[in-house]
Amino acid sequence: MSREEARRREAAELDGEILEAIGRGWDDPLDEVRFDRLARDVFAHQFRFNPVYRQVCLLRGVSAPADVAAWRDIPPVPAGAFKVGRWAAFPPEAERAAFRTSGTTWDAPGVHHVETLALYNAAAVSSARRFLVPDLERVRWLFLSPPPREAPHSSLVHMFAVFREALGEPGSGFFLAAGPGGGVRAAELAAALDRAVAEGAPVLVAGASLALAGALSALEDRRWALPDGSRAMLTGGSKGRRADVDPLALEREIVDRLGVPAERQAAEYGMTELSSQYYDERLRASVVGGEPAPGGTFAEPPWTRVRVVDPVDGSDVRAGGTGALVHLDLANRSSALVVQTSDVGTRAGPRTFRLTGRAPDAEARGCSLAAELWLGDG
C-alpha cells in the first residue's frame, strides 16, 4: 500500500468517527475519554501528513504523536498562520474547497484548505438545527450575502448554501451582490419581505451585522411586521475597517423595522479557519424554554473544545480569568485541529465561553471585511 493510499484510508476512518460524533448531537456526546482519544488520533494524522504542521510541532518540542498525552497538549496553530504555508493533511489534487479570509491589497488572505465538505456541512447543520430552528423542520431564509457563484471562496456563503439545501423552504434566497457595483439587492429583498408578510410565512434573516445594517439602510424607512416565528441570525462582529455598528442599536432596529423580537435574534461566532460554529442560546431559550446566558456567551458543540489561555505561554488562565481563545475542532481533520485566535474571552461554564473582545493589535474579522466589500464599502 502506498503512503497516499494509507493516508486516504486513515482519513476515511477518522472522518467516519467524527461524523458519528457530530451525529450524536448535544444529548449523547462522546465521553471525555473517547473525545480525547479521537482528538489525539486526528493530531497524529496531521503530524504525519501535514509537513508544515510537523515542523511547527518539532520546533515546540513535540517530536512524535506519543509526546502528546492529552488533547490539551496538542500544539495550536495561530489563525494568522493560514496566510502562509499550506495547512493541509492531504495533497493539492484532493482539495474539495479553499475558503479564504478577507485580505486587503497589502495583506494576503488566509486560506483554509478542505479535503471533504462532509464534516463542515454536518457540523453546520447540527448547530443550526439546535440554535436557529429547534422548533422548525425548515424555514424561509433571507441571506444577506452574495450567492455561492459570486463568492465561491467564502465559508460564510457556503454555510448559507448548506442551510438553504438542508433547512430551507421555497422562497429562500441571497440578497447581496459581490464585486464592482455590488451591494444590497434592495428591491428583491423588499419583495421577499412583502411576500413573507402576505403569505404568513416565517423567515430567518441571516448575515453579518454590517450587512444587515447596510440592508436596513438600503430599504430606507420601510417597515415590516414579519410573521410570528420569524427570527434573525447575526455574525461577524460589529466592526470593520471603515464602518462600525452599535449592536444594541442594530438589535432595536431589527425589532422596529422587521418586527423580529430581540429574543429571536441569535448571535453566531465562527471563523474561516474553523469548520464548526458557535451560537448563543437566546433564540433557542425563547423557543424551547430556559434562561439564556448573558450576551456574548456561546455554547461549544460537543465535537469541539475551547481553552482560554495566556497568549504568551499558552497556559490555561485561572478560573474567571481572561485570555486568548484556542479552539479544538474535530471537523478540522484535514487542516489544523487546534487554532489559536486573536479573540479574547473568559470561561462562562463547563461547555460555554464568553467572547469579550479582540487583542489590541488584531485585525478586523473576516465577515466584517467581506460585508464591507459586498456593500461596496471596500
Protein backbone atom coordinates (compact mmCIF):
# COMPACT_ATOMS: atom_id res chain seq x y z
CA MET A 1 0.00 0.00 0.00
CA SER A 2 1.40 3.40 -0.95
CA ARG A 3 1.70 6.26 1.53
CA GLU A 4 -1.17 8.10 -0.19
CA GLU A 5 -3.39 5.02 -0.08
CA ALA A 6 -2.63 4.66 3.62
CA ARG A 7 -3.41 8.34 4.18
CA ARG A 8 -6.74 8.10 2.39
CA ARG A 9 -7.74 5.02 4.35
CA GLU A 10 -6.82 6.62 7.66
CA ALA A 11 -8.61 9.85 6.72
CA ALA A 12 -11.77 7.94 5.81
CA GLU A 13 -11.73 6.09 9.13
CA LEU A 14 -11.26 9.32 11.10
CA ASP A 15 -13.96 11.10 9.11
CA GLY A 16 -16.38 8.29 9.89
CA GLU A 17 -15.67 8.61 13.60
CA ILE A 18 -16.01 12.39 13.53
CA LEU A 19 -19.30 12.24 11.62
CA GLU A 20 -20.57 9.75 14.19
CA ALA A 21 -19.55 12.14 16.99
CA ILE A 22 -21.32 15.06 15.30
CA GLY A 23 -24.38 12.91 14.66
CA ARG A 24 -24.71 12.13 18.36
CA GLY A 25 -25.60 15.79 18.93
CA TRP A 26 -25.75 17.51 22.29
CA ASP A 27 -27.76 14.93 24.21
CA ASP A 28 -25.44 11.94 23.73
CA PRO A 29 -21.90 13.34 23.26
CA LEU A 30 -18.68 11.36 23.31
CA ASP A 31 -17.40 10.93 26.86
CA GLU A 32 -14.13 12.67 27.69
CA VAL A 33 -12.04 9.52 27.27
CA ARG A 34 -13.34 8.84 23.75
CA PHE A 35 -13.10 12.50 22.78
CA ASP A 36 -9.51 12.66 23.98
CA ARG A 37 -8.57 9.50 22.09
CA LEU A 38 -10.18 10.74 18.85
CA ALA A 39 -8.55 14.17 19.16
CA ARG A 40 -5.13 12.61 19.62
CA ASP A 41 -5.73 10.29 16.67
CA VAL A 42 -6.54 13.29 14.47
CA PHE A 43 -3.43 15.05 15.77
CA ALA A 44 -1.30 12.01 14.91
CA HIS A 45 -2.80 12.01 11.40
CA GLN A 46 -1.98 15.69 10.91
CA PHE A 47 1.52 15.23 12.34
CA ARG A 48 2.20 12.50 9.78
CA PHE A 49 0.62 14.08 6.72
CA ASN A 50 0.91 17.87 7.21
CA PRO A 51 4.62 18.66 6.84
CA VAL A 52 4.22 22.34 7.74
CA TYR A 53 2.46 21.45 10.99
CA ARG A 54 5.00 18.74 11.77
CA GLN A 55 7.80 21.32 11.60
CA VAL A 56 5.90 23.59 13.99
CA CYS A 57 5.47 20.69 16.41
CA LEU A 58 9.16 19.81 16.23
CA LEU A 59 10.10 23.42 16.98
CA ARG A 60 7.84 23.27 20.03
CA GLY A 61 9.48 20.12 21.35
CA VAL A 62 6.85 17.66 20.16
CA SER A 63 8.85 15.10 18.16
CA ALA A 64 6.17 12.40 17.85
CA PRO A 65 2.41 11.95 18.42
CA ALA A 66 3.24 9.94 21.55
CA ASP A 67 4.62 13.13 23.13
CA VAL A 68 1.04 14.43 23.42
CA ALA A 69 -0.57 12.85 26.49
CA ALA A 70 -3.96 14.62 26.26
CA TRP A 71 -5.87 16.86 23.86
CA ARG A 72 -4.90 19.97 25.84
CA ASP A 73 -1.25 19.32 24.93
CA ILE A 74 -1.81 19.44 21.15
CA PRO A 75 0.19 22.39 19.76
CA PRO A 76 -2.13 25.09 18.37
CA VAL A 77 -1.76 26.83 15.02
CA PRO A 78 -2.16 30.64 15.14
CA ALA A 79 -5.03 31.74 12.91
CA GLY A 80 -2.66 34.15 11.18
CA ALA A 81 -0.51 31.22 10.03
CA PHE A 82 -3.20 30.32 7.50
CA LYS A 83 -1.83 33.26 5.47
CA VAL A 84 1.49 31.48 4.98
CA GLY A 85 2.24 27.88 4.11
CA ARG A 86 -0.29 25.22 3.24
CA TRP A 87 -2.07 23.88 6.32
CA ALA A 88 -3.43 20.68 4.84
CA ALA A 89 -3.04 16.99 5.61
CA PHE A 90 -3.71 15.98 2.00
CA PRO A 91 -2.19 16.64 -1.44
CA PRO A 92 -3.45 19.57 -3.58
CA GLU A 93 -5.20 17.29 -6.06
CA ALA A 94 -7.50 16.02 -3.28
CA GLU A 95 -8.73 19.52 -2.36
CA ARG A 96 -12.51 19.97 -2.29
CA ALA A 97 -12.66 23.62 -1.19
CA ALA A 98 -10.41 26.55 -0.30
CA PHE A 99 -12.10 29.06 1.99
CA ARG A 100 -10.39 32.44 2.18
CA THR A 101 -10.39 35.18 4.76
CA SER A 102 -10.95 38.72 3.55
CA GLY A 103 -7.47 40.06 2.82
CA THR A 104 -6.53 43.51 1.56
CA THR A 105 -4.30 44.80 -1.20
CA TRP A 106 -1.43 44.89 1.29
CA ASP A 107 -2.33 41.80 3.30
CA ALA A 108 -2.75 38.34 1.79
CA PRO A 109 -5.86 36.36 2.80
CA GLY A 110 -5.66 33.27 4.92
CA VAL A 111 -6.70 30.04 3.21
CA HIS A 112 -8.44 27.08 4.83
CA HIS A 113 -7.83 24.06 2.60
CA VAL A 114 -10.55 21.41 2.89
CA GLU A 115 -10.38 17.82 1.67
CA THR A 116 -14.03 16.94 2.34
CA LEU A 117 -17.05 19.15 2.96
CA ALA A 118 -18.96 16.36 4.72
CA LEU A 119 -17.58 17.31 8.13
CA TYR A 120 -18.16 21.04 7.66
CA ASN A 121 -21.69 20.52 6.39
CA ALA A 122 -22.66 18.10 9.15
CA ALA A 123 -21.35 20.41 11.87
CA ALA A 124 -23.09 23.46 10.37
CA VAL A 125 -26.49 21.77 10.08
CA SER A 126 -26.34 20.18 13.54
CA SER A 127 -25.66 23.51 15.25
CA ALA A 128 -28.22 25.41 13.17
CA ARG A 129 -30.94 22.89 13.98
CA ARG A 130 -30.28 23.27 17.68
CA PHE A 131 -29.86 27.03 17.94
CA LEU A 132 -31.70 28.58 14.98
CA VAL A 133 -34.61 26.29 14.15
CA PRO A 134 -35.17 23.99 17.16
CA ASP A 135 -38.91 24.20 16.54
CA LEU A 136 -38.98 24.01 12.73
CA GLU A 137 -38.02 21.42 10.16
CA ARG A 138 -37.50 24.12 7.52
CA VAL A 139 -37.77 27.88 7.24
CA ARG A 140 -37.59 30.54 4.53
CA TRP A 141 -34.06 32.02 4.67
CA LEU A 142 -33.21 35.55 3.53
CA PHE A 143 -29.41 35.58 3.30
CA LEU A 144 -27.68 38.95 3.35
CA SER A 145 -24.73 37.76 1.31
CA PRO A 146 -23.96 37.12 -2.35
CA PRO A 147 -24.97 33.73 -3.79
CA PRO A 148 -22.32 30.97 -3.88
CA ARG A 149 -21.43 31.53 -7.55
CA GLU A 150 -20.39 35.11 -6.73
CA ALA A 151 -18.42 34.25 -3.58
CA PRO A 152 -17.12 30.69 -4.09
CA HIS A 153 -14.34 31.04 -1.52
CA SER A 154 -16.46 32.41 1.35
CA SER A 155 -17.05 29.91 4.15
CA LEU A 156 -19.99 32.03 5.33
CA VAL A 157 -21.67 31.87 1.92
CA HIS A 158 -21.01 28.14 1.72
CA MET A 159 -22.62 27.70 5.14
CA PHE A 160 -25.65 29.65 3.96
CA ALA A 161 -25.89 27.46 0.87
CA VAL A 162 -25.83 24.39 3.12
CA PHE A 163 -28.62 25.88 5.24
CA ARG A 164 -30.73 26.55 2.15
CA GLU A 165 -30.30 22.96 0.97
CA ALA A 166 -30.80 21.20 4.31
CA LEU A 167 -33.16 23.57 6.15
CA GLY A 168 -34.61 25.93 3.55
CA GLU A 169 -38.17 26.45 2.39
CA PRO A 170 -39.05 27.62 -1.14
CA GLY A 171 -38.52 31.36 -1.40
CA SER A 172 -35.12 31.27 0.32
CA GLY A 173 -32.56 33.43 -1.43
CA PHE A 174 -29.44 35.62 -1.40
CA PHE A 175 -29.88 39.39 -1.47
CA LEU A 176 -26.41 40.92 -1.82
CA ALA A 177 -24.23 41.17 -4.92
CA ALA A 178 -20.46 40.79 -4.91
CA GLY A 179 -17.88 42.55 -7.00
CA PRO A 180 -17.83 46.05 -8.55
CA GLY A 181 -21.24 47.61 -8.42
CA GLY A 182 -22.35 45.14 -5.80
CA GLY A 183 -24.45 45.89 -2.79
CA VAL A 184 -27.89 45.19 -1.44
CA ARG A 185 -30.50 43.96 -3.93
CA ALA A 186 -32.96 46.20 -2.17
CA ALA A 187 -35.93 45.78 -4.49
CA GLU A 188 -35.64 41.98 -4.40
CA LEU A 189 -35.23 41.96 -0.63
CA ALA A 190 -38.23 44.22 -0.12
CA ALA A 191 -40.31 41.97 -2.41
CA ALA A 192 -39.25 38.89 -0.43
CA LEU A 193 -40.23 40.55 2.83
CA ASP A 194 -43.56 41.61 1.31
CA ARG A 195 -44.25 38.03 0.19
CA ALA A 196 -43.44 36.63 3.62
CA VAL A 197 -45.94 39.01 5.23
CA ALA A 198 -48.62 38.34 2.59
CA GLU A 199 -48.21 34.56 2.86
CA GLY A 200 -47.81 34.46 6.65
CA ALA A 201 -44.52 32.61 6.19
CA PRO A 202 -41.91 32.97 8.96
CA VAL A 203 -38.46 33.93 7.69
CA LEU A 204 -34.93 33.79 9.06
CA VAL A 205 -32.85 36.81 8.09
CA ALA A 206 -29.17 35.87 8.27
CA GLY A 207 -25.97 37.79 7.65
CA ALA A 208 -23.04 39.69 9.07
CA SER A 209 -24.03 42.56 11.35
CA LEU A 210 -22.57 45.10 8.92
CA ALA A 211 -24.51 43.51 6.06
CA LEU A 212 -27.78 43.57 7.97
CA ALA A 213 -27.25 47.21 8.95
CA GLY A 214 -26.46 48.02 5.32
CA ALA A 215 -29.57 46.21 4.11
CA LEU A 216 -31.82 48.10 6.51
CA SER A 217 -30.26 51.35 5.33
CA ALA A 218 -30.86 50.40 1.69
CA LEU A 219 -34.51 49.69 2.49
CA GLU A 220 -34.74 53.31 3.67
CA ASP A 221 -37.61 53.86 6.08
CA ARG A 222 -39.77 50.86 5.15
CA ARG A 223 -41.09 48.64 7.93
CA TRP A 224 -42.48 45.11 8.07
CA ALA A 225 -44.27 43.09 10.73
CA LEU A 226 -42.82 39.71 9.81
CA PRO A 227 -44.98 36.68 10.67
CA ASP A 228 -44.82 35.08 14.08
CA GLY A 229 -41.90 32.67 14.25
CA SER A 230 -39.58 34.88 12.20
CA ARG A 231 -36.05 35.29 13.51
CA ALA A 232 -32.60 36.65 12.70
CA MET A 233 -29.02 35.39 12.83
CA LEU A 234 -26.15 37.86 13.07
CA THR A 235 -22.47 37.05 12.73
CA GLY A 236 -19.10 38.62 12.01
CA GLY A 237 -18.81 41.13 14.81
CA SER A 238 -19.79 44.76 14.52
CA LYS A 239 -16.52 46.42 13.49
CA GLY A 240 -14.95 46.73 10.08
CA ARG A 241 -12.18 48.88 8.64
CA ARG A 242 -14.46 51.75 7.72
CA ALA A 243 -17.77 51.15 9.45
CA ASP A 244 -18.87 50.15 12.91
CA VAL A 245 -22.30 49.06 14.08
CA ASP A 246 -23.73 49.59 17.54
CA PRO A 247 -25.01 46.07 18.41
CA LEU A 248 -27.79 47.31 20.68
CA ALA A 249 -28.92 49.90 18.16
CA LEU A 250 -28.99 47.24 15.44
CA GLU A 251 -30.98 44.92 17.70
CA ARG A 252 -33.56 47.64 18.27
CA GLU A 253 -33.70 48.45 14.55
CA ILE A 254 -34.41 44.80 13.70
CA VAL A 255 -37.27 44.89 16.20
CA ASP A 256 -38.59 48.18 14.85
CA ARG A 257 -38.07 47.66 11.11
CA LEU A 258 -38.70 43.90 10.74
CA GLY A 259 -40.79 43.04 13.77
CA VAL A 260 -38.36 40.35 14.97
CA PRO A 261 -38.24 40.37 18.79
CA ALA A 262 -34.88 40.72 20.48
CA GLU A 263 -35.16 37.23 21.97
CA ARG A 264 -35.47 35.79 18.45
CA GLN A 265 -32.16 37.30 17.32
CA ALA A 266 -29.30 34.78 17.57
CA ALA A 267 -25.60 35.59 17.53
CA GLU A 268 -23.21 33.28 15.71
CA TYR A 269 -19.44 33.16 16.19
CA GLY A 270 -17.28 31.47 13.62
CA MET A 271 -14.02 31.76 11.70
CA THR A 272 -12.88 30.86 8.21
CA GLU A 273 -10.13 28.77 9.83
CA LEU A 274 -12.66 26.61 11.70
CA SER A 275 -15.23 24.16 10.35
CA SER A 276 -17.66 24.48 13.28
CA GLN A 277 -19.66 27.42 14.58
CA TYR A 278 -20.82 28.62 17.99
CA TYR A 279 -24.16 30.21 18.87
CA ASP A 280 -25.62 32.00 21.83
CA GLU A 281 -28.68 30.36 23.37
CA ARG A 282 -31.09 33.29 23.37
CA LEU A 283 -33.22 32.21 20.40
CA ARG A 284 -33.28 28.57 21.50
CA ALA A 285 -34.30 29.53 25.03
CA SER A 286 -37.16 31.67 23.69
CA VAL A 287 -38.50 28.67 21.76
CA VAL A 288 -37.90 25.64 23.98
CA GLY A 289 -37.67 27.37 27.37
CA GLY A 290 -34.86 28.07 29.75
CA GLU A 291 -32.85 31.04 30.89
CA PRO A 292 -30.31 32.24 28.31
CA ALA A 293 -26.81 33.18 29.40
CA PRO A 294 -25.67 36.84 29.29
CA GLY A 295 -24.89 38.36 25.90
CA GLY A 296 -21.67 37.28 24.28
CA THR A 297 -21.86 33.77 25.78
CA PHE A 298 -21.55 30.91 23.29
CA ALA A 299 -22.17 27.19 23.59
CA GLU A 300 -19.49 24.73 22.47
CA PRO A 301 -20.59 21.90 20.17
CA PRO A 302 -19.71 18.52 21.72
CA TRP A 303 -17.15 17.80 18.98
CA THR A 304 -15.17 20.94 19.92
CA ARG A 305 -13.27 22.20 22.94
CA VAL A 306 -12.35 25.80 23.78
CA ARG A 307 -9.47 26.82 26.02
CA VAL A 308 -8.83 30.28 27.48
CA VAL A 309 -5.06 30.70 27.61
CA ASP A 310 -2.30 33.13 28.43
CA PRO A 311 -1.32 34.41 24.96
CA VAL A 312 2.38 34.41 25.89
CA ASP A 313 2.98 30.95 27.33
CA GLY A 314 -0.19 29.13 26.26
CA SER A 315 -1.13 28.00 29.76
CA ASP A 316 -4.77 27.93 30.86
CA VAL A 317 -5.74 31.08 32.73
CA ARG A 318 -7.15 30.84 36.22
CA ALA A 319 -10.88 30.35 36.70
CA GLY A 320 -12.69 33.56 35.77
CA GLY A 321 -9.63 34.96 34.03
CA THR A 322 -9.45 36.50 30.57
CA GLY A 323 -7.24 35.17 27.83
CA ALA A 324 -6.88 34.24 24.18
CA LEU A 325 -9.33 31.68 22.82
CA VAL A 326 -7.94 28.40 21.48
CA HIS A 327 -10.32 26.12 19.57
CA LEU A 328 -10.07 22.38 19.05
CA ASP A 329 -12.43 21.42 16.22
CA LEU A 330 -12.63 17.76 15.20
CA ALA A 331 -14.27 18.82 11.94
CA ASN A 332 -10.92 20.42 11.01
CA ARG A 333 -9.49 16.95 10.38
CA SER A 334 -7.96 17.86 7.02
CA SER A 335 -6.36 21.18 8.05
CA ALA A 336 -5.37 22.23 11.58
CA LEU A 337 -7.13 20.59 14.52
CA VAL A 338 -6.28 23.30 17.08
CA VAL A 339 -6.38 27.02 16.21
CA GLN A 340 -5.36 29.93 18.44
CA THR A 341 -7.20 33.16 17.71
CA SER A 342 -6.82 36.86 18.43
CA ASP A 343 -10.20 36.78 20.14
CA VAL A 344 -10.29 37.35 23.88
CA GLY A 345 -12.72 35.72 26.28
CA THR A 346 -13.43 34.01 29.56
CA ARG A 347 -14.77 30.62 30.61
CA ALA A 348 -18.51 31.05 31.32
CA GLY A 349 -19.38 27.45 32.22
CA PRO A 350 -18.30 23.85 31.63
CA ARG A 351 -19.29 24.00 27.94
CA THR A 352 -19.67 27.73 27.32
CA PHE A 353 -17.34 30.68 26.88
CA ARG A 354 -17.86 34.41 26.80
CA LEU A 355 -16.39 36.48 23.97
CA THR A 356 -15.18 39.78 25.40
CA GLY A 357 -13.24 41.35 22.53
CA ARG A 358 -10.18 41.21 20.36
CA ALA A 359 -6.49 41.59 21.09
CA PRO A 360 -5.49 45.28 20.74
CA ASP A 361 -3.43 44.65 17.58
CA ALA A 362 -5.88 42.19 15.98
CA GLU A 363 -7.30 42.70 12.51
CA ALA A 364 -10.97 43.27 11.79
CA ARG A 365 -12.78 39.97 11.39
CA GLY A 366 -13.23 38.33 8.02
CA CYS A 367 -17.03 38.53 7.85
CA SER A 368 -16.92 42.22 8.72
CA LEU A 369 -14.45 42.91 5.94
CA ALA A 370 -16.37 40.76 3.49
CA ALA A 371 -19.60 42.55 4.32
CA GLU A 372 -17.96 45.92 3.66
CA LEU A 373 -16.76 44.67 0.27
CA TRP A 374 -20.17 43.23 -0.61
CA LEU A 375 -21.81 46.51 0.33
CA GLY A 376 -19.39 48.44 -1.85
CA ASP A 377 -17.53 49.93 1.14
CA GLY A 378 -14.20 48.25 0.44
